């Protein structure tokens, strides 16, 4: 066997060792603790229509300590990167619960309860992450024809860590159907903990 073939074979062996011993497999799903969560247009607009909202931050979390299905909660983010409660309504962290017809029911959480919901998720060995999406992008997705909701699913980031995919959806009859087309989905970039802002207090830390 010549040197070129020997080198190629060594690379294959190293790749197989990495994916089977400690390194994340390219096909292995991320340890997110949930499979999908859905936010309807009305529920997101409560956050998006607040004049101080610049982004919406999404966390994977648990409804209760024994919530094996898991879910995602959303919170408005101000210009300084902080999670904040809406002054007009007091709404803080909105946790997606279930689809009801063409709407979504939510569990409202204050700061302490949101932190506990993240601890419940992390305590079971799942990766914790916060993913920010600009208000402009969410409004654009919700303006797509037939879109009345956003479906959130876990995916692997480029570095192998956890992030979320956000996809336009049509909610009807208690289910969320995907919508295809330009701008109908995106993968959240710069998730925390990989890219946390040092001066921001995240709920999952």
Protein backbone atom coordinates (compact mmCIF):
# COMPACT_ATOMS: atom_id res chain seq x y z
CA UNK A 1 0.00 0.00 0.00
CA UNK A 2 1.45 3.38 -0.99
CA UNK A 3 1.78 6.35 1.36
CA UNK A 4 -1.30 8.13 -0.02
CA UNK A 5 -3.56 5.14 0.66
CA UNK A 6 -2.05 4.65 4.11
CA UNK A 7 -2.73 8.30 5.02
CA UNK A 8 -6.33 8.11 3.76
CA UNK A 9 -7.00 4.96 5.75
CA UNK A 10 -5.61 6.59 8.88
CA UNK A 11 -7.97 9.56 8.48
CA UNK A 12 -10.96 7.23 8.18
CA UNK A 13 -9.95 5.36 11.35
CA UNK A 14 -9.52 8.66 13.26
CA UNK A 15 -12.96 9.88 12.13
CA UNK A 16 -14.64 6.63 13.22
CA UNK A 17 -12.90 6.79 16.59
CA UNK A 18 -14.06 10.37 17.15
CA UNK A 19 -17.69 9.73 16.27
CA UNK A 20 -17.90 6.56 18.35
CA UNK A 21 -15.80 7.58 21.37
CA UNK A 22 -16.69 10.91 22.88
CA UNK A 23 -17.30 13.11 19.84
CA UNK A 24 -20.86 13.94 18.78
CA UNK A 25 -22.09 11.85 15.87
CA UNK A 26 -23.22 13.83 12.85
CA UNK A 27 -26.50 11.89 12.88
CA UNK A 28 -27.02 11.88 16.65
CA UNK A 29 -29.77 14.34 17.69
CA UNK A 30 -28.73 17.08 20.12
CA UNK A 31 -29.60 16.57 23.79
CA UNK A 32 -32.32 19.22 23.86
CA UNK A 33 -34.95 17.58 26.07
CA UNK A 34 -37.77 18.36 23.62
CA UNK A 35 -38.69 17.52 20.03
CA UNK A 36 -40.67 20.60 19.07
CA UNK A 37 -42.45 23.61 20.53
CA UNK A 38 -44.87 25.96 18.79
CA UNK A 39 -45.67 29.64 19.29
CA UNK A 40 -48.71 31.18 17.64
CA UNK A 41 -48.81 34.61 16.06
CA UNK A 42 -50.94 36.16 18.80
CA UNK A 43 -48.70 34.82 21.53
CA UNK A 44 -45.53 36.12 19.90
CA UNK A 45 -47.10 39.47 19.07
CA UNK A 46 -47.62 40.10 22.78
CA UNK A 47 -43.81 40.32 22.94
CA UNK A 48 -43.09 41.72 19.48
CA UNK A 49 -45.47 44.67 19.74
CA UNK A 50 -43.83 45.99 22.88
CA UNK A 51 -41.89 49.11 21.91
CA UNK A 52 -38.77 48.03 23.83
CA UNK A 53 -38.55 44.56 22.26
CA UNK A 54 -35.53 44.19 19.97
CA UNK A 55 -35.21 40.41 20.01
CA UNK A 56 -36.98 37.37 21.39
CA UNK A 57 -34.89 34.88 23.36
CA UNK A 58 -35.85 31.21 23.40
CA UNK A 59 -34.85 28.72 26.12
CA UNK A 60 -35.44 24.97 26.31
CA UNK A 61 -37.10 24.18 29.63
CA UNK A 62 -39.49 21.94 31.52
CA UNK A 63 -43.03 22.73 32.63
CA UNK A 64 -42.53 20.74 35.83
CA UNK A 65 -39.70 18.72 37.33
CA UNK A 66 -41.07 15.51 35.76
CA UNK A 67 -42.03 16.97 32.37
CA UNK A 68 -40.34 14.44 30.09
CA UNK A 69 -41.71 16.02 26.89
CA UNK A 70 -40.01 19.36 27.55
CA UNK A 71 -40.79 22.60 25.76
CA UNK A 72 -39.46 26.08 24.95
CA UNK A 73 -40.15 29.43 26.55
CA UNK A 74 -39.81 32.87 24.97
CA UNK A 75 -39.02 36.25 26.47
CA UNK A 76 -38.68 39.79 25.13
CA UNK A 77 -35.14 41.17 25.00
CA UNK A 78 -34.31 44.86 25.28
CA UNK A 79 -31.61 46.83 23.46
CA UNK A 80 -29.06 46.04 26.19
CA UNK A 81 -29.61 42.28 25.73
CA UNK A 82 -31.58 41.72 28.93
CA UNK A 83 -34.69 39.56 29.39
CA UNK A 84 -37.48 41.82 30.61
CA UNK A 85 -41.12 41.74 31.70
CA UNK A 86 -43.59 43.81 29.68
CA UNK A 87 -44.58 46.94 31.60
CA UNK A 88 -48.07 46.97 30.08
CA UNK A 89 -49.12 43.41 31.00
CA UNK A 90 -46.46 41.97 33.27
CA UNK A 91 -45.86 39.12 30.82
CA UNK A 92 -42.32 37.82 31.28
CA UNK A 93 -41.41 34.28 30.18
CA UNK A 94 -44.03 32.64 27.91
CA UNK A 95 -43.76 28.86 27.94
CA UNK A 96 -45.35 27.02 25.03
CA UNK A 97 -47.72 24.39 26.41
CA UNK A 98 -49.90 22.90 23.66
CA UNK A 99 -51.68 23.69 20.41
CA UNK A 100 -55.42 24.26 20.78
CA UNK A 101 -57.13 24.54 17.39
CA UNK A 102 -55.21 27.28 15.58
CA UNK A 103 -53.80 28.79 18.76
CA UNK A 104 -51.27 27.90 21.44
CA UNK A 105 -51.84 27.89 25.19
CA UNK A 106 -49.04 29.29 27.35
CA UNK A 107 -47.77 28.97 30.87
CA UNK A 108 -46.58 32.31 32.20
CA UNK A 109 -43.45 32.28 34.34
CA UNK A 110 -41.66 34.95 36.36
CA UNK A 111 -37.87 35.14 36.57
CA UNK A 112 -37.48 32.69 39.43
CA UNK A 113 -39.85 30.13 37.91
CA UNK A 114 -38.10 30.42 34.53
CA UNK A 115 -34.72 29.73 36.13
CA UNK A 116 -36.19 26.72 37.91
CA UNK A 117 -37.67 25.44 34.63
CA UNK A 118 -34.18 25.55 33.09
CA UNK A 119 -32.64 23.84 36.11
CA UNK A 120 -35.17 21.01 35.80
CA UNK A 121 -34.08 20.50 32.20
CA UNK A 122 -30.37 20.66 32.92
CA UNK A 123 -30.74 18.44 35.97
CA UNK A 124 -31.80 15.57 33.73
CA UNK A 125 -28.60 15.82 31.70
CA UNK A 126 -29.91 17.84 28.77
CA UNK A 127 -27.99 20.67 27.16
CA UNK A 128 -29.26 24.14 28.03
CA UNK A 129 -29.25 26.91 25.46
CA UNK A 130 -30.58 30.40 24.83
CA UNK A 131 -31.15 31.41 21.20
CA UNK A 132 -31.95 34.97 20.14
CA UNK A 133 -33.98 35.91 17.06
CA UNK A 134 -34.43 39.51 16.02
CA UNK A 135 -37.93 40.94 16.21
CA UNK A 136 -37.62 41.94 12.56
CA UNK A 137 -36.97 38.35 11.43
CA UNK A 138 -39.89 36.96 13.43
CA UNK A 139 -42.26 39.60 12.05
CA UNK A 140 -41.06 38.78 8.54
CA UNK A 141 -41.70 35.07 9.00
CA UNK A 142 -45.16 35.69 10.44
CA UNK A 143 -46.02 37.81 7.39
CA UNK A 144 -45.62 34.81 5.05
CA UNK A 145 -48.88 33.67 3.47
CA UNK A 146 -50.83 31.18 5.68
CA UNK A 147 -48.28 31.50 8.49
CA UNK A 148 -49.87 31.95 11.90
CA UNK A 149 -47.17 30.37 14.04
CA UNK A 150 -43.51 29.47 14.46
CA UNK A 151 -42.32 25.93 15.11
CA UNK A 152 -39.10 25.53 17.11
CA UNK A 153 -37.04 22.34 16.81
CA UNK A 154 -33.56 21.42 18.11
CA UNK A 155 -30.64 21.12 15.68
CA UNK A 156 -26.87 20.94 15.88
CA UNK A 157 -24.90 24.14 15.51
CA UNK A 158 -21.76 24.24 13.38
CA UNK A 159 -19.63 23.56 16.47
CA UNK A 160 -21.70 20.48 17.37
CA UNK A 161 -23.59 22.21 20.17
CA UNK A 162 -27.30 22.82 20.50
CA UNK A 163 -29.26 25.53 18.73
CA UNK A 164 -32.80 25.86 17.37
CA UNK A 165 -34.42 25.92 13.96
CA UNK A 166 -37.32 28.36 13.57
CA UNK A 167 -39.84 27.57 10.83
CA UNK A 168 -43.01 29.24 9.64
CA UNK A 169 -46.06 27.06 10.30
CA UNK A 170 -49.78 26.97 9.69
CA UNK A 171 -51.69 26.03 12.84
CA UNK A 172 -55.04 24.34 12.36
CA UNK A 173 -56.94 21.53 14.02
CA UNK A 174 -54.42 21.24 16.82
CA UNK A 175 -51.44 20.60 14.55
CA UNK A 176 -48.64 22.65 13.00
CA UNK A 177 -47.95 22.18 9.28
CA UNK A 178 -44.74 23.42 7.71
CA UNK A 179 -44.71 26.20 5.12
CA UNK A 180 -42.05 26.22 2.42
CA UNK A 181 -40.62 29.15 0.53
CA UNK A 182 -38.01 31.89 0.81
CA UNK A 183 -37.45 33.05 4.36
CA UNK A 184 -39.69 30.36 5.84
CA UNK A 185 -37.03 28.92 8.16
CA UNK A 186 -33.76 29.82 9.80
CA UNK A 187 -31.27 28.34 12.25
CA UNK A 188 -30.42 30.51 15.24
CA UNK A 189 -26.83 31.70 15.22
CA UNK A 190 -24.57 32.52 18.17
CA UNK A 191 -26.45 30.50 20.81
CA UNK A 192 -25.51 30.84 24.47
CA UNK A 193 -23.51 29.18 26.11
CA UNK A 194 -21.23 29.18 23.05
CA UNK A 195 -21.69 32.93 22.47
CA UNK A 196 -22.97 34.46 25.71
CA UNK A 197 -22.77 38.18 26.37
CA UNK A 198 -20.74 38.72 29.55
CA UNK A 199 -22.98 41.53 30.83
CA UNK A 200 -26.30 39.64 30.37
CA UNK A 201 -27.92 37.51 33.07
CA UNK A 202 -29.48 34.57 31.25
CA UNK A 203 -32.19 32.45 32.84
CA UNK A 204 -30.36 29.20 32.20
CA UNK A 205 -27.06 30.13 33.88
